[in-house]
Structure formats: structure tokens, C-alpha cells
PDB file of N, CA and C in Angstrom:
ATOM      1  N   UNK A   1      88.789 108.829  89.733  1.00  0.00           N
ATOM      2  CA  UNK A   1      87.474 109.283  90.156  1.00  0.00           C
ATOM      3  C   UNK A   1      87.417 109.309  91.680  1.00  0.00           C
ATOM      4  N   UNK A   2      86.728 110.282  92.206  1.00  0.00           N
ATOM      5  CA  UNK A   2      86.596 110.429  93.656  1.00  0.00           C
ATOM      6  C   UNK A   2      85.605 109.411  94.210  1.00  0.00           C
ATOM      7  N   UNK A   3      85.630 109.257  95.518  1.00  0.00           N
ATOM      8  CA  UNK A   3      84.653 108.397  96.191  1.00  0.00           C
ATOM      9  C   UNK A   3      83.385 109.207  96.477  1.00  0.00           C
ATOM     10  N   UNK A   4      82.319 108.514  96.832  1.00  0.00           N
ATOM     11  CA  UNK A   4      81.065 109.177  97.180  1.00  0.00           C
ATOM     12  C   UNK A   4      81.298 110.147  98.333  1.00  0.00           C
ATOM     13  N   UNK A   5      82.028 109.729  99.352  1.00  0.00           N
ATOM     14  CA  UNK A   5      82.284 110.602 100.500  1.00  0.00           C
ATOM     15  C   UNK A   5      83.058 111.853 100.101  1.00  0.00           C
ATOM     16  N   UNK A   6      83.984 111.718  99.160  1.00  0.00           N
ATOM     17  CA  UNK A   6      84.726 112.895  98.689  1.00  0.00           C
ATOM     18  C   UNK A   6      83.803 113.852  97.946  1.00  0.00           C
ATOM     19  N   UNK A   7      82.917 113.311  97.098  1.00  0.00           N
ATOM     20  CA  UNK A   7      81.950 114.169  96.404  1.00  0.00           C
ATOM     21  C   UNK A   7      80.996 114.837  97.385  1.00  0.00           C
ATOM     22  N   UNK A   8      80.606 114.140  98.436  1.00  0.00           N
ATOM     23  CA  UNK A   8      79.665 114.689  99.429  1.00  0.00           C
ATOM     24  C   UNK A   8      80.253 115.912 100.133  1.00  0.00           C
ATOM     25  N   UNK A   9      81.574 115.999 100.213  1.00  0.00           N
ATOM     26  CA  UNK A   9      82.224 117.134 100.871  1.00  0.00           C
ATOM     27  C   UNK A   9      82.329 118.366  99.969  1.00  0.00           C
ATOM     28  N   UNK A  10      82.090 118.180  98.674  1.00  0.00           N
ATOM     29  CA  UNK A  10      82.196 119.293  97.728  1.00  0.00           C
ATOM     30  C   UNK A  10      81.016 120.257  97.913  1.00  0.00           C
ATOM     31  N   UNK A  11      81.226 121.554  97.641  1.00  0.00           N
ATOM     32  CA  UNK A  11      80.179 122.559  97.876  1.00  0.00           C
ATOM     33  C   UNK A  11      79.187 122.696  96.706  1.00  0.00           C
ATOM     34  N   UNK A  12      78.393 121.644  96.472  1.00  0.00           N
ATOM     35  CA  UNK A  12      77.382 121.732  95.424  1.00  0.00           C
ATOM     36  C   UNK A  12      76.243 122.629  95.906  1.00  0.00           C
ATOM     37  N   UNK A  13      75.828 123.557  95.038  1.00  0.00           N
ATOM     38  CA  UNK A  13      74.788 124.530  95.378  1.00  0.00           C
ATOM     39  C   UNK A  13      73.430 123.840  95.422  1.00  0.00           C
ATOM     40  N   UNK A  14      72.684 124.151  96.484  1.00  0.00           N
ATOM     41  CA  UNK A  14      71.366 123.588  96.714  1.00  0.00           C
ATOM     42  C   UNK A  14      70.328 124.695  96.517  1.00  0.00           C
ATOM     43  N   UNK A  15      69.266 124.398  95.754  1.00  0.00           N
ATOM     44  CA  UNK A  15      68.180 125.361  95.574  1.00  0.00           C
ATOM     45  C   UNK A  15      66.937 124.826  96.271  1.00  0.00           C
ATOM     46  N   UNK A  16      66.322 125.657  97.097  1.00  0.00           N
ATOM     47  CA  UNK A  16      65.116 125.280  97.834  1.00  0.00           C
ATOM     48  C   UNK A  16      63.961 126.089  97.268  1.00  0.00           C
ATOM     49  N   UNK A  17      62.897 125.390  96.860  1.00  0.00           N
ATOM     50  CA  UNK A  17      61.740 126.034  96.261  1.00  0.00           C
ATOM     51  C   UNK A  17      60.473 125.554  96.958  1.00  0.00           C
ATOM     52  N   UNK A  18      59.596 126.465  97.371  1.00  0.00           N
ATOM     53  CA  UNK A  18      58.316 126.026  97.949  1.00  0.00           C
ATOM     54  C   UNK A  18      57.508 125.256  96.902  1.00  0.00           C
ATOM     55  N   UNK A  19      56.882 124.164  97.316  1.00  0.00           N
ATOM     56  CA  UNK A  19      56.014 123.386  96.428  1.00  0.00           C
ATOM     57  C   UNK A  19      54.603 123.932  96.578  1.00  0.00           C
ATOM     58  N   UNK A  20      54.198 124.792  95.670  1.00  0.00           N
ATOM     59  CA  UNK A  20      52.908 125.473  95.780  1.00  0.00           C
ATOM     60  C   UNK A  20      51.734 124.547  95.503  1.00  0.00           C
ATOM     61  N   UNK A  21      51.949 123.425  94.835  1.00  0.00           N
ATOM     62  CA  UNK A  21      50.857 122.513  94.508  1.00  0.00           C
ATOM     63  C   UNK A  21      50.579 121.511  95.623  1.00  0.00           C
ATOM     64  N   UNK A  22      51.637 120.912  96.168  1.00  0.00           N
ATOM     65  CA  UNK A  22      51.445 119.853  97.155  1.00  0.00           C
ATOM     66  C   UNK A  22      51.904 120.243  98.557  1.00  0.00           C
ATOM     67  N   UNK A  23      52.473 121.429  98.694  1.00  0.00           N
ATOM     68  CA  UNK A  23      52.978 121.856  99.987  1.00  0.00           C
ATOM     69  C   UNK A  23      54.389 121.343 100.212  1.00  0.00           C
ATOM     70  N   UNK A  24      55.024 121.859 101.228  1.00  0.00           N
ATOM     71  CA  UNK A  24      56.389 121.468 101.521  1.00  0.00           C
ATOM     72  C   UNK A  24      57.384 122.191 100.642  1.00  0.00           C
ATOM     73  N   UNK A  25      58.539 121.569 100.456  1.00  0.00           N
ATOM     74  CA  UNK A  25      59.638 122.196  99.730  1.00  0.00           C
ATOM     75  C   UNK A  25      60.319 121.183  98.820  1.00  0.00           C
ATOM     76  N   UNK A  26      60.786 121.662  97.681  1.00  0.00           N
ATOM     77  CA  UNK A  26      61.537 120.852  96.735  1.00  0.00           C
ATOM     78  C   UNK A  26      62.968 121.355  96.736  1.00  0.00           C
ATOM     79  N   UNK A  27      63.912 120.432  96.745  1.00  0.00           N
ATOM     80  CA  UNK A  27      65.330 120.789  96.699  1.00  0.00           C
ATOM     81  C   UNK A  27      65.953 120.158  95.468  1.00  0.00           C
ATOM     82  N   UNK A  28      66.722 120.976  94.761  1.00  0.00           N
ATOM     83  CA  UNK A  28      67.465 120.473  93.611  1.00  0.00           C
ATOM     84  C   UNK A  28      68.904 120.968  93.706  1.00  0.00           C
ATOM     85  N   UNK A  29      69.746 120.325  92.922  1.00  0.00           N
ATOM     86  CA  UNK A  29      71.161 120.694  92.837  1.00  0.00           C
ATOM     87  C   UNK A  29      71.438 121.017  91.368  1.00  0.00           C
ATOM     88  N   UNK A  30      71.549 122.299  91.012  1.00  0.00           N
ATOM     89  CA  UNK A  30      71.705 122.680  89.604  1.00  0.00           C
ATOM     90  C   UNK A  30      72.879 122.013  88.887  1.00  0.00           C
ATOM     91  N   UNK A  31      73.928 121.679  89.599  1.00  0.00           N
ATOM     92  CA  UNK A  31      75.093 121.057  88.972  1.00  0.00           C
ATOM     93  C   UNK A  31      74.948 119.544  88.820  1.00  0.00           C
ATOM     94  N   UNK A  32      73.888 118.976  89.407  1.00  0.00           N
ATOM     95  CA  UNK A  32      73.678 117.528  89.368  1.00  0.00           C
ATOM     96  C   UNK A  32      72.328 117.249  88.716  1.00  0.00           C
ATOM     97  N   UNK A  33      72.282 117.117  87.395  1.00  0.00           N
ATOM     98  CA  UNK A  33      71.010 116.968  86.683  1.00  0.00           C
ATOM     99  C   UNK A  33      70.166 115.813  87.210  1.00  0.00           C
ATOM    100  N   UNK A  34      68.921 116.119  87.514  1.00  0.00           N
ATOM    101  CA  UNK A  34      67.990 115.099  87.976  1.00  0.00           C
ATOM    102  C   UNK A  34      68.067 114.793  89.454  1.00  0.00           C
ATOM    103  N   UNK A  35      68.972 115.422  90.172  1.00  0.00           N
ATOM    104  CA  UNK A  35      69.095 115.186  91.609  1.00  0.00           C
ATOM    105  C   UNK A  35      68.167 116.141  92.338  1.00  0.00           C
ATOM    106  N   UNK A  36      67.019 115.618  92.776  1.00  0.00           N
ATOM    107  CA  UNK A  36      66.084 116.450  93.519  1.00  0.00           C
ATOM    108  C   UNK A  36      65.303 115.608  94.497  1.00  0.00           C
ATOM    109  N   UNK A  37      64.736 116.284  95.464  1.00  0.00           N
ATOM    110  CA  UNK A  37      63.957 115.623  96.504  1.00  0.00           C
ATOM    111  C   UNK A  37      63.010 116.647  97.105  1.00  0.00           C
ATOM    112  N   UNK A  38      62.247 116.232  98.097  1.00  0.00           N
ATOM    113  CA  UNK A  38      61.309 117.159  98.730  1.00  0.00           C
ATOM    114  C   UNK A  38      61.139 116.778 100.193  1.00  0.00           C
ATOM    115  N   UNK A  39      60.415 117.627 100.910  1.00  0.00           N
ATOM    116  CA  UNK A  39      60.110 117.378 102.308  1.00  0.00           C
ATOM    117  C   UNK A  39      59.014 118.319 102.763  1.00  0.00           C
ATOM    118  N   UNK A  40      58.306 117.907 103.817  1.00  0.00           N
ATOM    119  CA  UNK A  40      57.198 118.721 104.328  1.00  0.00           C
ATOM    120  C   UNK A  40      57.688 120.021 104.959  1.00  0.00           C
ATOM    121  N   UNK A  41      58.892 120.004 105.527  1.00  0.00           N
ATOM    122  CA  UNK A  41      59.495 121.202 106.107  1.00  0.00           C
ATOM    123  C   UNK A  41      60.850 121.423 105.443  1.00  0.00           C
ATOM    124  N   UNK A  42      61.398 122.613 105.608  1.00  0.00           N
ATOM    125  CA  UNK A  42      62.729 122.867 105.044  1.00  0.00           C
ATOM    126  C   UNK A  42      63.745 121.915 105.662  1.00  0.00           C
ATOM    127  N   UNK A  43      63.636 121.705 106.969  1.00  0.00           N
ATOM    128  CA  UNK A  43      64.590 120.837 107.653  1.00  0.00           C
ATOM    129  C   UNK A  43      64.541 119.417 107.091  1.00  0.00           C
ATOM    130  N   UNK A  44      63.327 118.889 106.879  1.00  0.00           N
ATOM    131  CA  UNK A  44      63.177 117.529 106.353  1.00  0.00           C
ATOM    132  C   UNK A  44      63.660 117.474 104.900  1.00  0.00           C
ATOM    133  N   UNK A  45      63.366 118.523 104.137  1.00  0.00           N
ATOM    134  CA  UNK A  45      63.812 118.562 102.745  1.00  0.00           C
ATOM    135  C   UNK A  45      65.335 118.554 102.661  1.00  0.00           C
ATOM    136  N   UNK A  46      66.001 119.324 103.521  1.00  0.00           N
ATOM    137  CA  UNK A  46      67.466 119.360 103.529  1.00  0.00           C
ATOM    138  C   UNK A  46      68.027 117.997 103.924  1.00  0.00           C
ATOM    139  N   UNK A  47      67.406 117.374 104.910  1.00  0.00           N
ATOM    140  CA  UNK A  47      67.838 116.032 105.329  1.00  0.00           C
ATOM    141  C   UNK A  47      67.692 115.051 104.156  1.00  0.00           C
ATOM    142  N   UNK A  48      66.552 115.111 103.473  1.00  0.00           N
ATOM    143  CA  UNK A  48      66.328 114.240 102.318  1.00  0.00           C
ATOM    144  C   UNK A  48      67.301 114.553 101.195  1.00  0.00           C
ATOM    145  N   UNK A  49      67.692 115.823 101.076  1.00  0.00           N
ATOM    146  CA  UNK A  49      68.608 116.238 100.016  1.00  0.00           C
ATOM    147  C   UNK A  49      69.967 115.561 100.161  1.00  0.00           C
ATOM    148  N   UNK A  50      70.426 115.433 101.378  1.00  0.00           N
ATOM    149  CA  UNK A  50      71.712 114.761 101.583  1.00  0.00           C
ATOM    150  C   UNK A  50      71.630 113.307 101.138  1.00  0.00           C
ATOM    151  N   UNK A  51      70.514 112.635 101.441  1.00  0.00           N
ATOM    152  CA  UNK A  51      70.320 111.250 100.996  1.00  0.00           C
ATOM    153  C   UNK A  51      70.232 111.165  99.476  1.00  0.00           C
ATOM    154  N   UNK A  52      69.503 112.112  98.861  1.00  0.00           N
ATOM    155  CA  UNK A  52      69.345 112.114  97.405  1.00  0.00           C
ATOM    156  C   UNK A  52      70.686 112.358  96.717  1.00  0.00           C
ATOM    157  N   UNK A  53      71.457 113.274  97.261  1.00  0.00           N
ATOM    158  CA  UNK A  53      72.764 113.586  96.674  1.00  0.00           C
ATOM    159  C   UNK A  53      73.683 112.367  96.768  1.00  0.00           C
ATOM    160  N   UNK A  54      73.689 111.690  97.916  1.00  0.00           N
ATOM    161  CA  UNK A  54      74.527 110.494  98.089  1.00  0.00           C
ATOM    162  C   UNK A  54      74.107 109.408  97.086  1.00  0.00           C
ATOM    163  N   UNK A  55      72.795 109.215  96.930  1.00  0.00           N
ATOM    164  CA  UNK A  55      72.293 108.210  95.986  1.00  0.00           C
ATOM    165  C   UNK A  55      72.664 108.587  94.553  1.00  0.00           C
ATOM    166  N   UNK A  56      72.592 109.889  94.234  1.00  0.00           N
ATOM    167  CA  UNK A  56      72.938 110.353  92.892  1.00  0.00           C
ATOM    168  C   UNK A  56      74.402 110.070  92.599  1.00  0.00           C
ATOM    169  N   UNK A  57      75.282 110.399  93.532  1.00  0.00           N
ATOM    170  CA  UNK A  57      76.718 110.142  93.343  1.00  0.00           C
ATOM    171  C   UNK A  57      76.987 108.642  93.202  1.00  0.00           C
ATOM    172  N   UNK A  58      76.357 107.843  94.054  1.00  0.00           N
ATOM    173  CA  UNK A  58      76.556 106.389  94.008  1.00  0.00           C
ATOM    174  C   UNK A  58      76.164 105.837  92.644  1.00  0.00           C
ATOM    175  N   UNK A  59      74.984 106.242  92.153  1.00  0.00           N
ATOM    176  CA  UNK A  59      74.520 105.760  90.844  1.00  0.00           C
ATOM    177  C   UNK A  59      75.437 106.238  89.722  1.00  0.00           C
ATOM    178  N   UNK A  60      75.868 107.487  89.783  1.00  0.00           N
ATOM    179  CA  UNK A  60      76.750 108.032  88.735  1.00  0.00           C
ATOM    180  C   UNK A  60      78.067 107.270  88.696  1.00  0.00           C
ATOM    181  N   UNK A  61      78.620 106.963  89.850  1.00  0.00           N
ATOM    182  CA  UNK A  61      79.887 106.214  89.906  1.00  0.00           C
ATOM    183  C   UNK A  61      79.680 104.805  89.368  1.00  0.00           C
ATOM    184  N   UNK A  62      78.599 104.149  89.792  1.00  0.00           N
ATOM    185  CA  UNK A  62      78.330 102.781  89.323  1.00  0.00           C
ATOM    186  C   UNK A  62      78.126 102.736  87.814  1.00  0.00           C
ATOM    187  N   UNK A  63      77.459 103.740  87.267  1.00  0.00           N
ATOM    188  CA  UNK A  63      77.166 103.783  85.832  1.00  0.00           C
ATOM    189  C   UNK A  63      78.280 104.458  85.030  1.00  0.00           C
ATOM    190  N   UNK A  64      79.342 104.866  85.722  1.00  0.00           N
ATOM    191  CA  UNK A  64      80.486 105.539  85.107  1.00  0.00           C
ATOM    192  C   UNK A  64      80.061 106.806  84.347  1.00  0.00           C
ATOM    193  N   UNK A  65      79.169 107.560  84.977  1.00  0.00           N
ATOM    194  CA  UNK A  65      78.716 108.835  84.435  1.00  0.00           C
ATOM    195  C   UNK A  65      79.613 109.923  85.009  1.00  0.00           C
ATOM    196  N   UNK A  66      80.066 110.808  84.155  1.00  0.00           N
ATOM    197  CA  UNK A  66      80.942 111.897  84.606  1.00  0.00           C
ATOM    198  C   UNK A  66      80.193 112.794  85.591  1.00  0.00           C
ATOM    199  N   UNK A  67      80.828 113.090  86.697  1.00  0.00           N
ATOM    200  CA  UNK A  67      80.250 113.961  87.723  1.00  0.00           C
ATOM    201  C   UNK A  67      80.905 115.328  87.597  1.00  0.00           C
ATOM    202  N   UNK A  68      80.098 116.363  87.325  1.00  0.00           N
ATOM    203  CA  UNK A  68      80.689 117.695  87.164  1.00  0.00           C
ATOM    204  C   UNK A  68      81.187 118.255  88.486  1.00  0.00           C
ATOM    205  N   UNK A  69      82.213 119.078  88.396  1.00  0.00           N
ATOM    206  CA  UNK A  69      82.668 119.806  89.577  1.00  0.00           C
ATOM    207  C   UNK A  69      81.624 120.866  89.899  1.00  0.00           C
ATOM    208  N   UNK A  70      81.488 121.233  91.176  1.00  0.00           N
ATOM    209  CA  UNK A  70      80.548 122.297  91.507  1.00  0.00           C
ATOM    210  C   UNK A  70      81.015 123.629  90.935  1.00  0.00           C
ATOM    211  N   UNK A  71      80.058 124.410  90.445  1.00  0.00           N
ATOM    212  CA  UNK A  71      80.408 125.754  89.985  1.00  0.00           C
ATOM    213  C   UNK A  71      80.707 126.596  91.207  1.00  0.00           C
ATOM    214  N   UNK A  72      81.762 127.342  91.146  1.00  0.00           N
ATOM    215  CA  UNK A  72      82.195 128.140  92.292  1.00  0.00           C
ATOM    216  C   UNK A  72      81.949 129.619  92.039  1.00  0.00           C
ATOM    217  N   UNK A  73      81.388 130.278  93.036  1.00  0.00           N
ATOM    218  CA  UNK A  73      81.092 131.699  92.915  1.00  0.00           C
ATOM    219  C   UNK A  73      82.352 132.549  92.837  1.00  0.00           C
ATOM    220  N   UNK A  74      83.480 132.025  93.335  1.00  0.00           N
ATOM    221  CA  UNK A  74      84.712 132.805  93.314  1.00  0.00           C
ATOM    222  C   UNK A  74      85.125 133.188  91.900  1.00  0.00           C
ATOM    223  N   UNK A  75      84.634 132.438  90.901  1.00  0.00           N
ATOM    224  CA  UNK A  75      84.985 132.729  89.517  1.00  0.00           C
ATOM    225  C   UNK A  75      84.269 133.977  88.994  1.00  0.00           C
ATOM    226  N   UNK A  76      83.296 134.458  89.737  1.00  0.00           N
ATOM    227  CA  UNK A  76      82.480 135.571  89.278  1.00  0.00           C
ATOM    228  C   UNK A  76      82.705 136.781  90.176  1.00  0.00           C
ATOM    229  N   UNK A  77      82.938 137.924  89.562  1.00  0.00           N
ATOM    230  CA  UNK A  77      83.230 139.134  90.328  1.00  0.00           C
ATOM    231  C   UNK A  77      81.968 139.839  90.812  1.00  0.00           C
ATOM    232  N   UNK A  78      80.826 139.544  90.165  1.00  0.00           N
ATOM    233  CA  UNK A  78      79.609 140.270  90.497  1.00  0.00           C
ATOM    234  C   UNK A  78      79.494 141.560  89.704  1.00  0.00           C
ATOM    235  N   UNK A  79      80.380 141.745  88.746  1.00  0.00           N
ATOM    236  CA  UNK A  79      80.366 142.950  87.927  1.00  0.00           C
ATOM    237  C   UNK A  79      80.454 142.568  86.462  1.00  0.00           C
ATOM    238  N   UNK A  80      79.748 143.329  85.628  1.00  0.00           N
ATOM    239  CA  UNK A  80      79.926 143.218  84.191  1.00  0.00           C
ATOM    240  C   UNK A  80      79.532 144.545  83.563  1.00  0.00           C
ATOM    241  N   UNK A  81      80.106 144.815  82.414  1.00  0.00           N
ATOM    242  CA  UNK A  81      79.831 146.081  81.743  1.00  0.00           C
ATOM    243  C   UNK A  81      78.788 145.833  80.671  1.00  0.00           C
ATOM    244  N   UNK A  82      77.809 146.722  80.620  1.00  0.00           N
ATOM    245  CA  UNK A  82      76.709 146.571  79.681  1.00  0.00           C
ATOM    246  C   UNK A  82      76.470 147.894  78.973  1.00  0.00           C
ATOM    247  N   UNK A  83      76.518 147.859  77.675  1.00  0.00           N
ATOM    248  CA  UNK A  83      76.232 149.073  76.900  1.00  0.00           C
ATOM    249  C   UNK A  83      74.764 149.029  76.500  1.00  0.00           C
ATOM    250  N   UNK A  84      74.064 150.140  76.772  1.00  0.00           N
ATOM    251  CA  UNK A  84      72.643 150.223  76.445  1.00  0.00           C
ATOM    252  C   UNK A  84      72.363 151.552  75.753  1.00  0.00           C
ATOM    253  N   UNK A  85      71.255 151.638  75.045  1.00  0.00           N
ATOM    254  CA  UNK A  85      70.921 152.918  74.407  1.00  0.00           C
ATOM    255  C   UNK A  85      70.732 154.017  75.454  1.00  0.00           C
ATOM    256  N   UNK A  86      71.064 155.244  75.078  1.00  0.00           N
ATOM    257  CA  UNK A  86      70.930 156.379  75.996  1.00  0.00           C
ATOM    258  C   UNK A  86      69.493 156.522  76.499  1.00  0.00           C
ATOM    259  N   UNK A  87      68.534 156.253  75.642  1.00  0.00           N
ATOM    260  CA  UNK A  87      67.130 156.392  76.045  1.00  0.00           C
ATOM    261  C   UNK A  87      66.767 155.385  77.141  1.00  0.00           C
ATOM    262  N   UNK A  88      67.284 154.175  77.044  1.00  0.00           N
ATOM    263  CA  UNK A  88      67.029 153.177  78.086  1.00  0.00           C
ATOM    264  C   UNK A  88      67.736 153.564  79.377  1.00  0.00           C
ATOM    265  N   UNK A  89      68.951 154.069  79.256  1.00  0.00           N
ATOM    266  CA  UNK A  89      69.707 154.532  80.416  1.00  0.00           C
ATOM    267  C   UNK A  89      68.905 155.608  81.157  1.00  0.00           C
ATOM    268  N   UNK A  90      68.349 156.546  80.395  1.00  0.00           N
ATOM    269  CA  UNK A  90      67.556 157.617  80.992  1.00  0.00           C
ATOM    270  C   UNK A  90      66.319 157.045  81.701  1.00  0.00           C
ATOM    271  N   UNK A  91      65.627 156.117  81.061  1.00  0.00           N
ATOM    272  CA  UNK A  91      64.421 155.534  81.669  1.00  0.00           C
ATOM    273  C   UNK A  91      64.755 154.770  82.945  1.00  0.00           C
ATOM    274  N   UNK A  92      65.851 154.016  82.934  1.00  0.00           N
ATOM    275  CA  UNK A  92      66.271 153.282  84.136  1.00  0.00           C
ATOM    276  C   UNK A  92      66.627 154.245  85.263  1.00  0.00           C
ATOM    277  N   UNK A  93      67.378 155.293  84.929  1.00  0.00           N
ATOM    278  CA  UNK A  93      67.778 156.277  85.941  1.00  0.00           C
ATOM    279  C   UNK A  93      66.553 156.964  86.531  1.00  0.00           C
ATOM    280  N   UNK A  94      65.599 157.333  85.687  1.00  0.00           N
ATOM    281  CA  UNK A  94      64.390 158.000  86.181  1.00  0.00           C
ATOM    282  C   UNK A  94      63.565 157.069  87.063  1.00  0.00           C
ATOM    283  N   UNK A  95      63.415 155.813  86.654  1.00  0.00           N
ATOM    284  CA  UNK A  95      62.634 154.862  87.442  1.00  0.00           C
ATOM    285  C   UNK A  95      63.320 154.582  88.778  1.00  0.00           C
ATOM    286  N   UNK A  96      64.633 154.456  88.778  1.00  0.00           N
ATOM    287  CA  UNK A  96      65.373 154.241  90.021  1.00  0.00           C
ATOM    288  C   UNK A  96      65.182 155.422  90.961  1.00  0.00           C
ATOM    289  N   UNK A  97      65.278 156.614  90.428  1.00  0.00           N
ATOM    290  CA  UNK A  97      65.086 157.820  91.235  1.00  0.00           C
ATOM    291  C   UNK A  97      63.664 157.837  91.814  1.00  0.00           C
ATOM    292  N   UNK A  98      62.679 157.464  90.996  1.00  0.00           N
ATOM    293  CA  UNK A  98      61.280 157.399  91.443  1.00  0.00           C
ATOM    294  C   UNK A  98      61.119 156.391  92.589  1.00  0.00           C
ATOM    295  N   UNK A  99      61.846 155.282  92.512  1.00  0.00           N
ATOM    296  CA  UNK A  99      61.777 154.243  93.551  1.00  0.00           C
ATOM    297  C   UNK A  99      62.639 154.580  94.763  1.00  0.00           C
ATOM    298  N   UNK A 100      63.491 155.570  94.627  1.00  0.00           N
ATOM    299  CA  UNK A 100      64.338 155.976  95.743  1.00  0.00           C
ATOM    300  C   UNK A 100      65.540 155.077  95.967  1.00  0.00           C
ATOM    301  N   UNK A 101      66.017 154.451  94.898  1.00  0.00           N
ATOM    302  CA  UNK A 101      67.179 153.562  95.003  1.00  0.00           C
ATOM    303  C   UNK A 101      68.181 153.949  93.923  1.00  0.00           C
ATOM    304  N   UNK A 102      69.376 153.405  94.036  1.00  0.00           N
ATOM    305  CA  UNK A 102      70.371 153.661  92.995  1.00  0.00           C
ATOM    306  C   UNK A 102      69.977 152.910  91.726  1.00  0.00           C
ATOM    307  N   UNK A 103      70.502 153.353  90.617  1.00  0.00           N
ATOM    308  CA  UNK A 103      70.211 152.667  89.366  1.00  0.00           C
ATOM    309  C   UNK A 103      70.759 151.236  89.411  1.00  0.00           C
ATOM    310  N   UNK A 104      71.907 151.058  90.041  1.00  0.00           N
ATOM    311  CA  UNK A 104      72.483 149.729  90.179  1.00  0.00           C
ATOM    312  C   UNK A 104      71.527 148.811  90.948  1.00  0.00           C
ATOM    313  N   UNK A 105      71.005 149.275  92.086  1.00  0.00           N
ATOM    314  CA  UNK A 105      70.055 148.477  92.871  1.00  0.00           C
ATOM    315  C   UNK A 105      68.805 148.165  92.063  1.00  0.00           C
ATOM    316  N   UNK A 106      68.328 149.152  91.328  1.00  0.00           N
ATOM    317  CA  UNK A 106      67.122 148.956  90.531  1.00  0.00           C
ATOM    318  C   UNK A 106      67.351 147.909  89.440  1.00  0.00           C
ATOM    319  N   UNK A 107      68.495 147.964  88.780  1.00  0.00           N
ATOM    320  CA  UNK A 107      68.802 146.980  87.738  1.00  0.00           C
ATOM    321  C   UNK A 107      68.957 145.578  88.321  1.00  0.00           C
ATOM    322  N   UNK A 108      69.590 145.463  89.487  1.00  0.00           N
ATOM    323  CA  UNK A 108      69.711 144.158  90.151  1.00  0.00           C
ATOM    324  C   UNK A 108      68.319 143.623  90.474  1.00  0.00           C
ATOM    325  N   UNK A 109      67.454 144.500  90.972  1.00  0.00           N
ATOM    326  CA  UNK A 109      66.067 144.096  91.261  1.00  0.00           C
ATOM    327  C   UNK A 109      65.390 143.572  89.990  1.00  0.00           C
ATOM    328  N   UNK A 110      65.479 144.333  88.896  1.00  0.00           N
ATOM    329  CA  UNK A 110      64.829 143.910  87.647  1.00  0.00           C
ATOM    330  C   UNK A 110      65.370 142.570  87.157  1.00  0.00           C
ATOM    331  N   UNK A 111      66.684 142.402  87.207  1.00  0.00           N
ATOM    332  CA  UNK A 111      67.265 141.144  86.782  1.00  0.00           C
ATOM    333  C   UNK A 111      66.828 139.980  87.663  1.00  0.00           C
ATOM    334  N   UNK A 112      66.802 140.202  88.965  1.00  0.00           N
ATOM    335  CA  UNK A 112      66.444 139.102  89.867  1.00  0.00           C
ATOM    336  C   UNK A 112      64.991 138.693  89.685  1.00  0.00           C
ATOM    337  N   UNK A 113      64.099 139.647  89.442  1.00  0.00           N
ATOM    338  CA  UNK A 113      62.684 139.332  89.236  1.00  0.00           C
ATOM    339  C   UNK A 113      62.498 138.532  87.944  1.00  0.00           C
ATOM    340  N   UNK A 114      63.238 138.881  86.921  1.00  0.00           N
ATOM    341  CA  UNK A 114      63.038 138.255  85.623  1.00  0.00           C
ATOM    342  C   UNK A 114      63.915 137.024  85.389  1.00  0.00           C
ATOM    343  N   UNK A 115      64.782 136.685  86.330  1.00  0.00           N
ATOM    344  CA  UNK A 115      65.648 135.504  86.179  1.00  0.00           C
ATOM    345  C   UNK A 115      65.064 134.276  86.879  1.00  0.00           C
ATOM    346  N   UNK A 116      63.918 134.404  87.491  1.00  0.00           N
ATOM    347  CA  UNK A 116      63.341 133.261  88.221  1.00  0.00           C
ATOM    348  C   UNK A 116      62.685 132.281  87.317  1.00  0.00           C
TER     349      UNK A 116
END
């Protein structure tokens, strides 16, 4: 098992979300379940995130909980093939043309809006 300092050097993905109820920002690490923190500013939240991540690793090591490796984007090409009905293809192409963007850009937009 690695040390806390070795885990701290790994590229774990950090997600920053505005806290619409209490203000400030919430930070979580999708690969580290339950590891989250917050701060009044992004800078303070990021600073707190490093402390939270260190505490999470320390507790996981002490409790002998398996620590997952960070998911790496290099494993993903950013491309996939999708078969859709011709009628949907036509509707997507028409809507993209109406918006003045490529169908690829329009589909990325639709996916990003609905994946939140």
C-alpha cells in the first residue's frame, strides 16, 4: 500500500460546485467516496480540499480500506459510435442547422446539459 504522500501526488479529479443554498463552493473527489469539503471562495475550497483529501487517505489507510486508483482520461478517446433511428438523425441535423452548429457540437451540448 502507498503512503499518504504518495496518494496525494496522484491525479484525483476534483469537482467544484457552487453551493446555491449556503453560498461558497463545495468540492468533491468522484473517485474518493465521501471525500468532500467546502469554502467561501474557490481558493479557500481548494485549500480545504487538499486537507480533506489527506484526511481521507489517512483514515482509509488506518482502517485498511482499499483506495481506488484515479480514473485517467487517457483511457478514453472522446469518440464512440452510436446508431440511432433515421428520424432522430434528421431531427438532430435540422436542429443543429437551426442553431448554426455542427451536429456533433449540438449532440455534445445536449449530452452535457443532461449529464449534470
